[in-house]
Amino acid sequence: MRHLFWGLLVLFVVLALPGRAAAFALSSQDMADGGALPDRQVLNGFGCTGPNVSPELAWKNPPAGTKSFALTVYDPDAPTGSGWWHWVVFNLPAAATGLPAGAGGESGGLPAGAVQSRTDFGQPGYGGACPPAGAAPHRYVFTIHALDVERLDLPADASAAMVGFMLGQHRLGQATLTARYGR
C-alpha cells in the first residue's frame, strides 16, 4: 500500500508540473477532424460545381524554435498512384496563427511574403475536392508544418514534391486535420 501511495504521489507531481508543452494542433471553424469537408471547399471544375473556397484554419502551440510555417493539403486517395496536392503554401511567418477562409483564392488573405506554389491542378492556389463520382469518399489531409528556417528558398512555381522535400529537411513538427468528401 505504501508503494502505491508513493507511486501515485510521484505521478500526480509529474502531471502537475508547469511547463509541459501543449501539443502542436491544427483546427478549423469550417470542418472537424475526421468529419465531412463542407461543400464550400469543393472545386468548381473537373465535373464539380463547388465555390472552391479554402477553409479557415488555425494552429497553436508550435514547437520551440519555429521560424516559419508551410501548409499542405493532400488527397492520398486520388487514383493517380501518387495522390493529389490540392494546396501548397510556404514562407508563412512564425507569428502567423492561422489563415482566413478564402486565403487560397486570387483575392488573397495570406500574410506578406507567403508563397502559394503549384498544385497538381498545374497552378498556385487552393484547389478544392473533386473525387471521381461514385468513388468512396476521399481523405483531404490539411497539414501545418513548423520549420526551422525563416523561408524556403524555392521558386514560386516549385512543385509540391520539391516543397515536400524541403519540408522534410526543415520540419520541427507538424499538425494535421483530415476531412472526407465523396460524390
C-alpha atoms as a PDB file:
ATOM      1  CA  MET A   1       0.000   0.000   0.000  1.00  0.00           C
ATOM      2  CA  ARG A   2       2.843   2.327   0.833  1.00  0.00           C
ATOM      3  CA  HIS A   3       4.431   1.806  -2.612  1.00  0.00           C
ATOM      4  CA  LEU A   4       1.102   2.531  -4.268  1.00  0.00           C
ATOM      5  CA  PHE A   5       0.783   5.797  -2.313  1.00  0.00           C
ATOM      6  CA  TRP A   6       4.270   6.974  -3.313  1.00  0.00           C
ATOM      7  CA  GLY A   7       3.748   5.886  -6.930  1.00  0.00           C
ATOM      8  CA  LEU A   8       0.509   7.850  -7.175  1.00  0.00           C
ATOM      9  CA  LEU A   9       2.118  10.860  -5.500  1.00  0.00           C
ATOM     10  CA  VAL A  10       5.011  10.863  -7.994  1.00  0.00           C
ATOM     11  CA  LEU A  11       2.573  10.507 -10.896  1.00  0.00           C
ATOM     12  CA  PHE A  12       0.487  13.430  -9.596  1.00  0.00           C
ATOM     13  CA  VAL A  13       3.553  15.667  -9.207  1.00  0.00           C
ATOM     14  CA  VAL A  14       4.834  14.856 -12.714  1.00  0.00           C
ATOM     15  CA  LEU A  15       1.445  15.539 -14.290  1.00  0.00           C
ATOM     16  CA  ALA A  16       1.009  18.773 -12.341  1.00  0.00           C
ATOM     17  CA  LEU A  17       4.407  20.219 -13.241  1.00  0.00           C
ATOM     18  CA  PRO A  18       4.184  23.517 -15.101  1.00  0.00           C
ATOM     19  CA  GLY A  19       5.996  23.905 -18.386  1.00  0.00           C
ATOM     20  CA  ARG A  20       4.645  20.797 -20.049  1.00  0.00           C
ATOM     21  CA  ALA A  21       4.335  21.767 -23.685  1.00  0.00           C
ATOM     22  CA  ALA A  22       0.868  21.514 -25.174  1.00  0.00           C
ATOM     23  CA  ALA A  23       0.653  19.623 -28.438  1.00  0.00           C
ATOM     24  CA  PHE A  24       1.004  21.428 -31.752  1.00  0.00           C
ATOM     25  CA  ALA A  25      -2.541  21.466 -33.132  1.00  0.00           C
ATOM     26  CA  LEU A  26      -4.450  22.445 -36.292  1.00  0.00           C
ATOM     27  CA  SER A  27      -8.168  23.250 -36.228  1.00  0.00           C
ATOM     28  CA  SER A  28     -10.852  24.848 -38.377  1.00  0.00           C
ATOM     29  CA  GLN A  29     -14.180  26.540 -37.754  1.00  0.00           C
ATOM     30  CA  ASP A  30     -15.260  25.176 -41.152  1.00  0.00           C
ATOM     31  CA  MET A  31     -14.725  21.449 -40.532  1.00  0.00           C
ATOM     32  CA  ALA A  32     -13.921  18.919 -37.829  1.00  0.00           C
ATOM     33  CA  ASP A  33     -11.066  16.445 -37.855  1.00  0.00           C
ATOM     34  CA  GLY A  34     -12.465  13.207 -39.269  1.00  0.00           C
ATOM     35  CA  GLY A  35     -15.645  14.932 -40.419  1.00  0.00           C
ATOM     36  CA  ALA A  36     -17.016  15.871 -43.810  1.00  0.00           C
ATOM     37  CA  LEU A  37     -15.398  18.525 -45.976  1.00  0.00           C
ATOM     38  CA  PRO A  38     -18.087  21.191 -46.491  1.00  0.00           C
ATOM     39  CA  ASP A  39     -19.463  21.861 -49.974  1.00  0.00           C
ATOM     40  CA  ARG A  40     -17.894  25.332 -49.790  1.00  0.00           C
ATOM     41  CA  GLN A  41     -14.451  23.682 -50.123  1.00  0.00           C
ATOM     42  CA  VAL A  42     -15.383  21.727 -53.284  1.00  0.00           C
ATOM     43  CA  LEU A  43     -13.710  22.533 -56.618  1.00  0.00           C
ATOM     44  CA  ASN A  44     -15.505  24.316 -59.439  1.00  0.00           C
ATOM     45  CA  GLY A  45     -14.188  22.180 -62.297  1.00  0.00           C
ATOM     46  CA  PHE A  46     -13.482  18.553 -63.285  1.00  0.00           C
ATOM     47  CA  GLY A  47     -17.246  17.957 -63.144  1.00  0.00           C
ATOM     48  CA  CYS A  48     -17.709  19.514 -59.695  1.00  0.00           C
ATOM     49  CA  THR A  49     -19.607  22.759 -59.104  1.00  0.00           C
ATOM     50  CA  GLY A  50     -18.455  23.970 -55.685  1.00  0.00           C
ATOM     51  CA  PRO A  51     -17.391  27.503 -54.761  1.00  0.00           C
ATOM     52  CA  ASN A  52     -13.737  26.372 -54.306  1.00  0.00           C
ATOM     53  CA  VAL A  53     -13.118  28.414 -51.138  1.00  0.00           C
ATOM     54  CA  SER A  54     -10.192  27.429 -48.936  1.00  0.00           C
ATOM     55  CA  PRO A  55     -11.284  26.821 -45.319  1.00  0.00           C
ATOM     56  CA  GLU A  56     -10.446  28.889 -42.273  1.00  0.00           C
ATOM     57  CA  LEU A  57      -7.512  27.274 -40.450  1.00  0.00           C
ATOM     58  CA  ALA A  58      -5.929  27.972 -37.063  1.00  0.00           C
ATOM     59  CA  TRP A  59      -2.914  26.472 -35.327  1.00  0.00           C
ATOM     60  CA  LYS A  60      -1.456  26.730 -31.862  1.00  0.00           C
ATOM     61  CA  ASN A  61       1.454  25.526 -29.731  1.00  0.00           C
ATOM     62  CA  PRO A  62       4.149  25.260 -32.426  1.00  0.00           C
ATOM     63  CA  PRO A  63       7.432  23.642 -31.396  1.00  0.00           C
ATOM     64  CA  ALA A  64      10.118  25.817 -29.839  1.00  0.00           C
ATOM     65  CA  GLY A  65      12.438  27.281 -32.445  1.00  0.00           C
ATOM     66  CA  THR A  66       9.769  27.609 -35.157  1.00  0.00           C
ATOM     67  CA  LYS A  67      10.869  30.272 -37.659  1.00  0.00           C
ATOM     68  CA  SER A  68       8.177  29.804 -40.317  1.00  0.00           C
ATOM     69  CA  PHE A  69       5.313  27.565 -41.398  1.00  0.00           C
ATOM     70  CA  ALA A  70       4.164  25.778 -44.524  1.00  0.00           C
ATOM     71  CA  LEU A  71       0.723  24.407 -45.259  1.00  0.00           C
ATOM     72  CA  THR A  72      -0.144  21.466 -47.494  1.00  0.00           C
ATOM     73  CA  VAL A  73      -3.425  19.847 -48.470  1.00  0.00           C
ATOM     74  CA  TYR A  74      -3.108  16.355 -49.893  1.00  0.00           C
ATOM     75  CA  ASP A  75      -5.554  13.671 -51.089  1.00  0.00           C
ATOM     76  CA  PRO A  76      -3.840  10.277 -50.649  1.00  0.00           C
ATOM     77  CA  ASP A  77      -6.858   8.512 -52.194  1.00  0.00           C
ATOM     78  CA  ALA A  78      -6.707  10.149 -55.638  1.00  0.00           C
ATOM     79  CA  PRO A  79      -6.491   7.492 -58.370  1.00  0.00           C
ATOM     80  CA  THR A  80      -3.088   8.657 -59.641  1.00  0.00           C
ATOM     81  CA  GLY A  81      -0.630   6.313 -57.964  1.00  0.00           C
ATOM     82  CA  SER A  82       0.832   9.296 -56.092  1.00  0.00           C
ATOM     83  CA  GLY A  83      -2.157  11.106 -54.568  1.00  0.00           C
ATOM     84  CA  TRP A  84      -3.100  14.710 -55.370  1.00  0.00           C
ATOM     85  CA  TRP A  85      -1.762  18.008 -53.974  1.00  0.00           C
ATOM     86  CA  HIS A  86      -4.624  20.499 -53.535  1.00  0.00           C
ATOM     87  CA  TRP A  87      -2.796  23.389 -51.864  1.00  0.00           C
ATOM     88  CA  VAL A  88       0.840  24.209 -51.113  1.00  0.00           C
ATOM     89  CA  VAL A  89       1.782  27.364 -49.179  1.00  0.00           C
ATOM     90  CA  PHE A  90       5.205  28.143 -47.755  1.00  0.00           C
ATOM     91  CA  ASN A  91       7.053  31.056 -46.122  1.00  0.00           C
ATOM     92  CA  LEU A  92       4.227  31.740 -43.694  1.00  0.00           C
ATOM     93  CA  PRO A  93       5.783  33.855 -40.911  1.00  0.00           C
ATOM     94  CA  ALA A  94       6.411  32.416 -37.456  1.00  0.00           C
ATOM     95  CA  ALA A  95       3.956  34.941 -35.974  1.00  0.00           C
ATOM     96  CA  ALA A  96       1.089  33.503 -38.063  1.00  0.00           C
ATOM     97  CA  THR A  97      -1.539  31.546 -36.150  1.00  0.00           C
ATOM     98  CA  GLY A  98      -3.962  30.807 -38.957  1.00  0.00           C
ATOM     99  CA  LEU A  99      -5.491  31.692 -42.299  1.00  0.00           C
ATOM    100  CA  PRO A 100      -8.932  33.123 -43.015  1.00  0.00           C
ATOM    101  CA  ALA A 101     -11.424  31.353 -45.263  1.00  0.00           C
ATOM    102  CA  GLY A 102     -10.665  32.207 -48.879  1.00  0.00           C
ATOM    103  CA  ALA A 103      -6.941  32.821 -48.313  1.00  0.00           C
ATOM    104  CA  GLY A 104      -6.152  30.353 -51.102  1.00  0.00           C
ATOM    105  CA  GLY A 105      -8.014  32.383 -53.719  1.00  0.00           C
ATOM    106  CA  GLU A 106      -6.917  35.149 -56.030  1.00  0.00           C
ATOM    107  CA  SER A 107      -8.008  37.893 -53.634  1.00  0.00           C
ATOM    108  CA  GLY A 108      -5.602  36.525 -51.052  1.00  0.00           C
ATOM    109  CA  GLY A 109      -5.640  36.754 -47.321  1.00  0.00           C
ATOM    110  CA  LEU A 110      -2.168  35.306 -46.947  1.00  0.00           C
ATOM    111  CA  PRO A 111       0.467  37.107 -44.847  1.00  0.00           C
ATOM    112  CA  ALA A 112       3.054  39.182 -46.712  1.00  0.00           C
ATOM    113  CA  GLY A 113       5.838  37.023 -48.124  1.00  0.00           C
ATOM    114  CA  ALA A 114       3.831  33.784 -48.157  1.00  0.00           C
ATOM    115  CA  VAL A 115       4.016  31.818 -51.403  1.00  0.00           C
ATOM    116  CA  GLN A 116       1.272  29.646 -52.902  1.00  0.00           C
ATOM    117  CA  SER A 117       3.108  27.133 -55.039  1.00  0.00           C
ATOM    118  CA  ARG A 118       1.961  24.952 -57.915  1.00  0.00           C
ATOM    119  CA  THR A 119      -0.540  22.210 -57.100  1.00  0.00           C
ATOM    120  CA  ASP A 120      -1.436  19.117 -59.109  1.00  0.00           C
ATOM    121  CA  PHE A 121      -4.006  21.288 -60.883  1.00  0.00           C
ATOM    122  CA  GLY A 122      -0.955  22.946 -62.513  1.00  0.00           C
ATOM    123  CA  GLN A 123      -1.347  26.338 -60.887  1.00  0.00           C
ATOM    124  CA  PRO A 124      -0.948  28.021 -57.496  1.00  0.00           C
ATOM    125  CA  GLY A 125      -3.763  28.485 -55.001  1.00  0.00           C
ATOM    126  CA  TYR A 126      -6.329  26.314 -53.324  1.00  0.00           C
ATOM    127  CA  GLY A 127      -7.947  23.630 -55.460  1.00  0.00           C
ATOM    128  CA  GLY A 128     -10.927  22.055 -53.757  1.00  0.00           C
ATOM    129  CA  ALA A 129     -12.092  18.479 -53.507  1.00  0.00           C
ATOM    130  CA  CYS A 130     -13.465  16.698 -56.562  1.00  0.00           C
ATOM    131  CA  PRO A 131     -13.054  12.929 -56.307  1.00  0.00           C
ATOM    132  CA  PRO A 132     -14.415  10.727 -59.088  1.00  0.00           C
ATOM    133  CA  ALA A 133     -18.199  10.317 -58.963  1.00  0.00           C
ATOM    134  CA  GLY A 134     -19.199   7.080 -57.256  1.00  0.00           C
ATOM    135  CA  ALA A 135     -15.810   6.563 -55.584  1.00  0.00           C
ATOM    136  CA  ALA A 136     -15.546   6.045 -51.856  1.00  0.00           C
ATOM    137  CA  PRO A 137     -15.064   9.348 -50.007  1.00  0.00           C
ATOM    138  CA  HIS A 138     -11.514  10.669 -50.262  1.00  0.00           C
ATOM    139  CA  ARG A 139      -9.414  11.978 -47.368  1.00  0.00           C
ATOM    140  CA  TYR A 140      -8.163  15.565 -47.540  1.00  0.00           C
ATOM    141  CA  VAL A 141      -5.206  15.936 -45.194  1.00  0.00           C
ATOM    142  CA  PHE A 142      -4.520  19.530 -44.128  1.00  0.00           C
ATOM    143  CA  THR A 143      -1.049  19.755 -42.563  1.00  0.00           C
ATOM    144  CA  ILE A 144       0.694  22.716 -40.971  1.00  0.00           C
ATOM    145  CA  HIS A 145       4.459  22.248 -40.866  1.00  0.00           C
ATOM    146  CA  ALA A 146       6.615  24.139 -38.333  1.00  0.00           C
ATOM    147  CA  LEU A 147      10.023  24.873 -39.862  1.00  0.00           C
ATOM    148  CA  ASP A 148      13.471  25.739 -38.530  1.00  0.00           C
ATOM    149  CA  VAL A 149      14.150  28.351 -41.255  1.00  0.00           C
ATOM    150  CA  GLU A 150      12.555  31.760 -41.864  1.00  0.00           C
ATOM    151  CA  ARG A 151      11.954  30.952 -45.506  1.00  0.00           C
ATOM    152  CA  LEU A 152      12.324  28.189 -48.038  1.00  0.00           C
ATOM    153  CA  ASP A 153      14.437  29.418 -50.928  1.00  0.00           C
ATOM    154  CA  LEU A 154      12.213  27.992 -53.661  1.00  0.00           C
ATOM    155  CA  PRO A 155      10.688  29.492 -56.798  1.00  0.00           C
ATOM    156  CA  ALA A 156       7.003  30.390 -56.658  1.00  0.00           C
ATOM    157  CA  ASP A 157       6.210  27.633 -59.172  1.00  0.00           C
ATOM    158  CA  ALA A 158       8.051  24.885 -57.255  1.00  0.00           C
ATOM    159  CA  SER A 159       6.319  21.518 -57.487  1.00  0.00           C
ATOM    160  CA  ALA A 160       4.629  20.038 -54.443  1.00  0.00           C
ATOM    161  CA  ALA A 161       7.262  17.283 -54.469  1.00  0.00           C
ATOM    162  CA  MET A 162      10.102  19.841 -54.284  1.00  0.00           C
ATOM    163  CA  VAL A 163       8.361  21.732 -51.492  1.00  0.00           C
ATOM    164  CA  GLY A 164       7.775  18.423 -49.699  1.00  0.00           C
ATOM    165  CA  PHE A 165      11.453  17.555 -49.965  1.00  0.00           C
ATOM    166  CA  MET A 166      12.415  20.883 -48.378  1.00  0.00           C
ATOM    167  CA  LEU A 167       9.800  20.459 -45.665  1.00  0.00           C
ATOM    168  CA  GLY A 168      11.403  17.143 -44.793  1.00  0.00           C
ATOM    169  CA  GLN A 169      14.763  18.882 -44.386  1.00  0.00           C
ATOM    170  CA  HIS A 170      13.464  21.649 -42.100  1.00  0.00           C
ATOM    171  CA  ARG A 171      10.409  20.306 -40.227  1.00  0.00           C
ATOM    172  CA  LEU A 172      10.382  20.721 -36.449  1.00  0.00           C
ATOM    173  CA  GLY A 173       6.867  19.367 -36.128  1.00  0.00           C
ATOM    174  CA  GLN A 174       3.528  19.092 -37.864  1.00  0.00           C
ATOM    175  CA  ALA A 175      -0.164  19.034 -37.051  1.00  0.00           C
ATOM    176  CA  THR A 176      -2.911  17.630 -39.253  1.00  0.00           C
ATOM    177  CA  LEU A 177      -6.637  17.804 -39.746  1.00  0.00           C
ATOM    178  CA  THR A 178      -8.309  15.309 -42.084  1.00  0.00           C
ATOM    179  CA  ALA A 179     -11.726  15.797 -43.684  1.00  0.00           C
ATOM    180  CA  ARG A 180     -13.558  13.463 -46.087  1.00  0.00           C
ATOM    181  CA  TYR A 181     -15.543  14.145 -49.213  1.00  0.00           C
ATOM    182  CA  GLY A 182     -17.264  11.921 -51.755  1.00  0.00           C
ATOM    183  CA  ARG A 183     -19.820  12.397 -54.501  1.00  0.00           C
END
